[in-house]
C-alpha cells in the first residue's frame, strides 16, 4: 500500500507539473478532440491546486514510510 501511495503521488505530481509548465495539456486535449475543455481545465486555478494536492500526497507517503520503520 505504501509503495502504491508513493507511486500515485509521484506520478500525479509529475503529470500535473508537466501540464502546468508545458503546453502538454492543450496538445493532448486537441488530439482527443476535447478543445472545448482547454479554457476550463488549462487555468492556474485548477492545475496548481491539483499539483499541490499530489505533492502533499507524496509528502504524506514519504512520512508514513519513514515512521513505519
PDB file of N, CA and C in Angstrom:
ATOM      1  N   UNK A   1       0.820  -1.194   0.000  1.00  0.00           N
ATOM      2  CA  UNK A   1       0.000   0.000   0.000  1.00  0.00           C
ATOM      3  C   UNK A   1       0.863   1.256   0.000  1.00  0.00           C
ATOM      4  N   UNK A   2       1.920   1.273   0.820  1.00  0.00           N
ATOM      5  CA  UNK A   2       2.724   2.481   0.922  1.00  0.00           C
ATOM      6  C   UNK A   2       3.467   2.780  -0.373  1.00  0.00           C
ATOM      7  N   UNK A   3       3.892   1.744  -1.086  1.00  0.00           N
ATOM      8  CA  UNK A   3       4.563   1.979  -2.361  1.00  0.00           C
ATOM      9  C   UNK A   3       3.586   2.475  -3.415  1.00  0.00           C
ATOM     10  N   UNK A   4       2.361   1.998  -3.374  1.00  0.00           N
ATOM     11  CA  UNK A   4       1.353   2.468  -4.320  1.00  0.00           C
ATOM     12  C   UNK A   4       1.006   3.923  -4.072  1.00  0.00           C
ATOM     13  N   UNK A   5       0.908   4.297  -2.809  1.00  0.00           N
ATOM     14  CA  UNK A   5       0.595   5.674  -2.456  1.00  0.00           C
ATOM     15  C   UNK A   5       1.717   6.606  -2.908  1.00  0.00           C
ATOM     16  N   UNK A   6       2.942   6.197  -2.717  1.00  0.00           N
ATOM     17  CA  UNK A   6       4.083   6.988  -3.158  1.00  0.00           C
ATOM     18  C   UNK A   6       4.131   7.082  -4.678  1.00  0.00           C
ATOM     19  N   UNK A   7       3.873   5.976  -5.357  1.00  0.00           N
ATOM     20  CA  UNK A   7       3.878   5.980  -6.817  1.00  0.00           C
ATOM     21  C   UNK A   7       2.769   6.878  -7.370  1.00  0.00           C
ATOM     22  N   UNK A   8       1.599   6.832  -6.746  1.00  0.00           N
ATOM     23  CA  UNK A   8       0.498   7.687  -7.175  1.00  0.00           C
ATOM     24  C   UNK A   8       0.850   9.157  -6.964  1.00  0.00           C
ATOM     25  N   UNK A   9       1.430   9.480  -5.822  1.00  0.00           N
ATOM     26  CA  UNK A   9       1.814  10.858  -5.542  1.00  0.00           C
ATOM     27  C   UNK A   9       2.868  11.371  -6.499  1.00  0.00           C
ATOM     28  N   UNK A  10       3.886  10.573  -6.746  1.00  0.00           N
ATOM     29  CA  UNK A  10       4.951  10.995  -7.654  1.00  0.00           C
ATOM     30  C   UNK A  10       4.468  11.100  -9.097  1.00  0.00           C
ATOM     31  N   UNK A  11       3.686  10.116  -9.521  1.00  0.00           N
ATOM     32  CA  UNK A  11       3.163  10.148 -10.891  1.00  0.00           C
ATOM     33  C   UNK A  11       2.220  11.312 -11.112  1.00  0.00           C
ATOM     34  N   UNK A  12       1.344  11.552 -10.162  1.00  0.00           N
ATOM     35  CA  UNK A  12       0.416  12.676 -10.274  1.00  0.00           C
ATOM     36  C   UNK A  12       1.133  14.008 -10.234  1.00  0.00           C
ATOM     37  N   UNK A  13       2.150  14.121  -9.388  1.00  0.00           N
ATOM     38  CA  UNK A  13       2.932  15.359  -9.319  1.00  0.00           C
ATOM     39  C   UNK A  13       3.657  15.619 -10.623  1.00  0.00           C
ATOM     40  N   UNK A  14       4.229  14.591 -11.186  1.00  0.00           N
ATOM     41  CA  UNK A  14       4.942  14.741 -12.453  1.00  0.00           C
ATOM     42  C   UNK A  14       3.985  15.144 -13.571  1.00  0.00           C
ATOM     43  N   UNK A  15       2.849  14.493 -13.654  1.00  0.00           N
ATOM     44  CA  UNK A  15       1.876  14.812 -14.691  1.00  0.00           C
ATOM     45  C   UNK A  15       1.316  16.223 -14.517  1.00  0.00           C
ATOM     46  N   UNK A  16       0.997  16.600 -13.293  1.00  0.00           N
ATOM     47  CA  UNK A  16       0.471  17.941 -13.046  1.00  0.00           C
ATOM     48  C   UNK A  16       1.521  19.002 -13.350  1.00  0.00           C
ATOM     49  N   UNK A  17       2.774  18.734 -13.000  1.00  0.00           N
ATOM     50  CA  UNK A  17       3.839  19.691 -13.302  1.00  0.00           C
ATOM     51  C   UNK A  17       4.044  19.832 -14.809  1.00  0.00           C
ATOM     52  N   UNK A  18       3.982  18.730 -15.526  1.00  0.00           N
ATOM     53  CA  UNK A  18       4.103  18.804 -16.984  1.00  0.00           C
ATOM     54  C   UNK A  18       2.962  19.593 -17.597  1.00  0.00           C
ATOM     55  N   UNK A  19       1.765  19.417 -17.072  1.00  0.00           N
ATOM     56  CA  UNK A  19       0.619  20.143 -17.607  1.00  0.00           C
ATOM     57  C   UNK A  19       0.649  21.621 -17.213  1.00  0.00           C
ATOM     58  N   UNK A  20       1.230  21.934 -16.067  1.00  0.00           N
ATOM     59  CA  UNK A  20       1.313  23.328 -15.617  1.00  0.00           C
ATOM     60  C   UNK A  20       2.348  24.119 -16.408  1.00  0.00           C
ATOM     61  N   UNK A  21       3.498  23.542 -16.616  1.00  0.00           N
ATOM     62  CA  UNK A  21       4.633  24.304 -17.116  1.00  0.00           C
ATOM     63  C   UNK A  21       4.974  24.045 -18.582  1.00  0.00           C
ATOM     64  N   UNK A  22       4.269  23.181 -19.239  1.00  0.00           N
ATOM     65  CA  UNK A  22       4.487  22.934 -20.662  1.00  0.00           C
ATOM     66  C   UNK A  22       3.129  22.926 -21.355  1.00  0.00           C
ATOM     67  N   UNK A  23       3.108  23.057 -22.655  1.00  0.00           N
ATOM     68  CA  UNK A  23       1.823  23.015 -23.367  1.00  0.00           C
ATOM     69  C   UNK A  23       1.338  21.599 -23.642  1.00  0.00           C
ATOM     70  N   UNK A  24       1.609  20.686 -22.725  1.00  0.00           N
ATOM     71  CA  UNK A  24       1.228  19.291 -22.913  1.00  0.00           C
ATOM     72  C   UNK A  24      -0.286  19.105 -22.902  1.00  0.00           C
ATOM     73  N   UNK A  25      -0.963  19.747 -21.973  1.00  0.00           N
ATOM     74  CA  UNK A  25      -2.404  19.563 -21.826  1.00  0.00           C
ATOM     75  C   UNK A  25      -3.187  20.031 -23.054  1.00  0.00           C
ATOM     76  N   UNK A  26      -2.926  21.213 -23.619  1.00  0.00           N
ATOM     77  CA  UNK A  26      -3.654  21.588 -24.835  1.00  0.00           C
ATOM     78  C   UNK A  26      -3.393  20.656 -26.018  1.00  0.00           C
ATOM     79  N   UNK A  27      -2.181  20.154 -26.116  1.00  0.00           N
ATOM     80  CA  UNK A  27      -1.865  19.236 -27.211  1.00  0.00           C
ATOM     81  C   UNK A  27      -2.655  17.936 -27.066  1.00  0.00           C
ATOM     82  N   UNK A  28      -2.691  17.392 -25.838  1.00  0.00           N
ATOM     83  CA  UNK A  28      -3.410  16.144 -25.598  1.00  0.00           C
ATOM     84  C   UNK A  28      -4.917  16.338 -25.795  1.00  0.00           C
ATOM     85  N   UNK A  29      -5.457  17.436 -25.262  1.00  0.00           N
ATOM     86  CA  UNK A  29      -6.892  17.671 -25.414  1.00  0.00           C
ATOM     87  C   UNK A  29      -7.272  17.894 -26.873  1.00  0.00           C
ATOM     88  N   UNK A  30      -6.419  18.565 -27.628  1.00  0.00           N
ATOM     89  CA  UNK A  30      -6.680  18.753 -29.053  1.00  0.00           C
ATOM     90  C   UNK A  30      -6.644  17.418 -29.791  1.00  0.00           C
ATOM     91  N   UNK A  31      -5.688  16.575 -29.443  1.00  0.00           N
ATOM     92  CA  UNK A  31      -5.596  15.263 -30.091  1.00  0.00           C
ATOM     93  C   UNK A  31      -6.817  14.397 -29.783  1.00  0.00           C
ATOM     94  N   UNK A  32      -7.390  14.568 -28.601  1.00  0.00           N
ATOM     95  CA  UNK A  32      -8.574  13.796 -28.223  1.00  0.00           C
ATOM     96  C   UNK A  32      -9.874  14.433 -28.704  1.00  0.00           C
ATOM     97  N   UNK A  33      -9.788  15.627 -29.286  1.00  0.00           N
ATOM     98  CA  UNK A  33     -10.976  16.308 -29.774  1.00  0.00           C
ATOM     99  C   UNK A  33     -11.757  17.008 -28.676  1.00  0.00           C
ATOM    100  N   UNK A  34     -11.100  17.340 -27.602  1.00  0.00           N
ATOM    101  CA  UNK A  34     -11.765  17.983 -26.461  1.00  0.00           C
ATOM    102  C   UNK A  34     -11.269  19.414 -26.272  1.00  0.00           C
ATOM    103  N   UNK A  35     -11.158  20.164 -27.368  1.00  0.00           N
ATOM    104  CA  UNK A  35     -10.612  21.518 -27.278  1.00  0.00           C
ATOM    105  C   UNK A  35     -11.516  22.464 -26.491  1.00  0.00           C
ATOM    106  N   UNK A  36     -12.768  22.138 -26.334  1.00  0.00           N
ATOM    107  CA  UNK A  36     -13.667  22.985 -25.554  1.00  0.00           C
ATOM    108  C   UNK A  36     -13.323  22.992 -24.071  1.00  0.00           C
ATOM    109  N   UNK A  37     -12.604  21.991 -23.609  1.00  0.00           N
ATOM    110  CA  UNK A  37     -12.232  21.915 -22.197  1.00  0.00           C
ATOM    111  C   UNK A  37     -10.966  22.689 -21.858  1.00  0.00           C
ATOM    112  N   UNK A  38     -10.263  23.184 -22.876  1.00  0.00           N
ATOM    113  CA  UNK A  38      -8.995  23.871 -22.616  1.00  0.00           C
ATOM    114  C   UNK A  38      -9.215  25.109 -21.751  1.00  0.00           C
ATOM    115  N   UNK A  39     -10.238  25.875 -22.037  1.00  0.00           N
ATOM    116  CA  UNK A  39     -10.499  27.093 -21.270  1.00  0.00           C
ATOM    117  C   UNK A  39     -10.880  26.820 -19.831  1.00  0.00           C
ATOM    118  N   UNK A  40     -11.439  25.654 -19.566  1.00  0.00           N
ATOM    119  CA  UNK A  40     -11.862  25.314 -18.204  1.00  0.00           C
ATOM    120  C   UNK A  40     -10.722  24.703 -17.406  1.00  0.00           C
ATOM    121  N   UNK A  41     -10.026  23.755 -18.001  1.00  0.00           N
ATOM    122  CA  UNK A  41      -9.013  22.995 -17.277  1.00  0.00           C
ATOM    123  C   UNK A  41      -7.657  23.673 -17.276  1.00  0.00           C
ATOM    124  N   UNK A  42      -7.302  24.332 -18.365  1.00  0.00           N
ATOM    125  CA  UNK A  42      -5.948  24.880 -18.505  1.00  0.00           C
ATOM    126  C   UNK A  42      -5.851  26.259 -17.858  1.00  0.00           C
ATOM    127  N   UNK A  43      -6.169  26.320 -16.588  1.00  0.00           N
ATOM    128  CA  UNK A  43      -6.016  27.553 -15.820  1.00  0.00           C
ATOM    129  C   UNK A  43      -5.240  27.228 -14.546  1.00  0.00           C
ATOM    130  N   UNK A  44      -4.629  28.242 -14.005  1.00  0.00           N
ATOM    131  CA  UNK A  44      -3.870  28.032 -12.773  1.00  0.00           C
ATOM    132  C   UNK A  44      -4.779  27.730 -11.597  1.00  0.00           C
ATOM    133  N   UNK A  45      -6.035  28.132 -11.686  1.00  0.00           N
ATOM    134  CA  UNK A  45      -6.970  27.884 -10.592  1.00  0.00           C
ATOM    135  C   UNK A  45      -7.283  26.399 -10.448  1.00  0.00           C
ATOM    136  N   UNK A  46      -7.064  25.620 -11.488  1.00  0.00           N
ATOM    137  CA  UNK A  46      -7.324  24.181 -11.439  1.00  0.00           C
ATOM    138  C   UNK A  46      -6.024  23.397 -11.288  1.00  0.00           C
ATOM    139  N   UNK A  47      -5.036  23.712 -12.091  1.00  0.00           N
ATOM    140  CA  UNK A  47      -3.817  22.902 -12.137  1.00  0.00           C
ATOM    141  C   UNK A  47      -2.931  23.060 -10.907  1.00  0.00           C
ATOM    142  N   UNK A  48      -2.813  24.259 -10.376  1.00  0.00           N
ATOM    143  CA  UNK A  48      -1.937  24.447  -9.219  1.00  0.00           C
ATOM    144  C   UNK A  48      -2.465  23.761  -7.959  1.00  0.00           C
ATOM    145  N   UNK A  49      -3.771  23.800  -7.660  1.00  0.00           N
ATOM    146  CA  UNK A  49      -4.244  23.015  -6.514  1.00  0.00           C
ATOM    147  C   UNK A  49      -4.085  21.502  -6.715  1.00  0.00           C
ATOM    148  N   UNK A  50      -4.236  21.040  -7.943  1.00  0.00           N
ATOM    149  CA  UNK A  50      -4.023  19.615  -8.215  1.00  0.00           C
ATOM    150  C   UNK A  50      -2.559  19.257  -7.956  1.00  0.00           C
ATOM    151  N   UNK A  51      -1.649  20.101  -8.422  1.00  0.00           N
ATOM    152  CA  UNK A  51      -0.222  19.878  -8.181  1.00  0.00           C
ATOM    153  C   UNK A  51       0.080  19.898  -6.689  1.00  0.00           C
ATOM    154  N   UNK A  52      -0.477  20.852  -5.970  1.00  0.00           N
ATOM    155  CA  UNK A  52      -0.258  20.933  -4.526  1.00  0.00           C
ATOM    156  C   UNK A  52      -0.802  19.695  -3.818  1.00  0.00           C
ATOM    157  N   UNK A  53      -1.948  19.215  -4.235  1.00  0.00           N
ATOM    158  CA  UNK A  53      -2.525  18.020  -3.627  1.00  0.00           C
ATOM    159  C   UNK A  53      -1.658  16.788  -3.834  1.00  0.00           C
ATOM    160  N   UNK A  54      -1.141  16.614  -5.036  1.00  0.00           N
ATOM    161  CA  UNK A  54      -0.282  15.467  -5.299  1.00  0.00           C
ATOM    162  C   UNK A  54       1.055  15.588  -4.572  1.00  0.00           C
ATOM    163  N   UNK A  55       1.569  16.808  -4.421  1.00  0.00           N
ATOM    164  CA  UNK A  55       2.802  16.984  -3.653  1.00  0.00           C
ATOM    165  C   UNK A  55       2.571  16.675  -2.178  1.00  0.00           C
ATOM    166  N   UNK A  56       1.417  17.060  -1.649  1.00  0.00           N
ATOM    167  CA  UNK A  56       1.098  16.712  -0.254  1.00  0.00           C
ATOM    168  C   UNK A  56       0.930  15.208  -0.101  1.00  0.00           C
ATOM    169  N   UNK A  57       0.322  14.549  -1.082  1.00  0.00           N
ATOM    170  CA  UNK A  57       0.176  13.095  -1.040  1.00  0.00           C
ATOM    171  C   UNK A  57       1.534  12.410  -1.062  1.00  0.00           C
ATOM    172  N   UNK A  58       2.455  12.919  -1.859  1.00  0.00           N
ATOM    173  CA  UNK A  58       3.809  12.370  -1.899  1.00  0.00           C
ATOM    174  C   UNK A  58       4.504  12.560  -0.553  1.00  0.00           C
ATOM    175  N   UNK A  59       4.374  13.751   0.019  1.00  0.00           N
ATOM    176  CA  UNK A  59       4.965  14.005   1.325  1.00  0.00           C
ATOM    177  C   UNK A  59       4.388  13.108   2.402  1.00  0.00           C
ATOM    178  N   UNK A  60       3.077  12.896   2.377  1.00  0.00           N
ATOM    179  CA  UNK A  60       2.439  12.008   3.344  1.00  0.00           C
ATOM    180  C   UNK A  60       2.936  10.579   3.189  1.00  0.00           C
ATOM    181  N   UNK A  61       3.068  10.120   1.946  1.00  0.00           N
ATOM    182  CA  UNK A  61       3.544   8.756   1.707  1.00  0.00           C
ATOM    183  C   UNK A  61       4.980   8.585   2.198  1.00  0.00           C
ATOM    184  N   UNK A  62       5.816   9.595   1.970  1.00  0.00           N
ATOM    185  CA  UNK A  62       7.201   9.518   2.456  1.00  0.00           C
ATOM    186  C   UNK A  62       7.245   9.555   3.977  1.00  0.00           C
ATOM    187  N   UNK A  63       6.435  10.422   4.596  1.00  0.00           N
ATOM    188  CA  UNK A  63       6.386  10.498   6.052  1.00  0.00           C
ATOM    189  C   UNK A  63       5.900   9.187   6.657  1.00  0.00           C
ATOM    190  N   UNK A  64       4.865   8.609   6.052  1.00  0.00           N
ATOM    191  CA  UNK A  64       4.314   7.347   6.554  1.00  0.00           C
ATOM    192  C   UNK A  64       5.320   6.210   6.424  1.00  0.00           C
ATOM    193  N   UNK A  65       6.052   6.219   5.314  1.00  0.00           N
ATOM    194  CA  UNK A  65       7.067   5.186   5.094  1.00  0.00           C
ATOM    195  C   UNK A  65       8.188   5.317   6.127  1.00  0.00           C
ATOM    196  N   UNK A  66       8.545   6.540   6.468  1.00  0.00           N
ATOM    197  CA  UNK A  66       9.626   6.768   7.421  1.00  0.00           C
ATOM    198  C   UNK A  66       9.205   6.402   8.845  1.00  0.00           C
ATOM    199  N   UNK A  67       7.965   6.696   9.226  1.00  0.00           N
ATOM    200  CA  UNK A  67       7.534   6.435  10.587  1.00  0.00           C
ATOM    201  C   UNK A  67       7.223   4.959  10.840  1.00  0.00           C
ATOM    202  N   UNK A  68       6.980   4.175   9.808  1.00  0.00           N
ATOM    203  CA  UNK A  68       6.672   2.760   9.993  1.00  0.00           C
ATOM    204  C   UNK A  68       7.921   1.910  10.156  1.00  0.00           C
ATOM    205  N   UNK A  69       9.067   2.461   9.944  1.00  0.00           N
ATOM    206  CA  UNK A  69      10.310   1.698  10.086  1.00  0.00           C
ATOM    207  C   UNK A  69      10.758   1.618  11.499  1.00  0.00           C
TER     208      UNK A  69
END
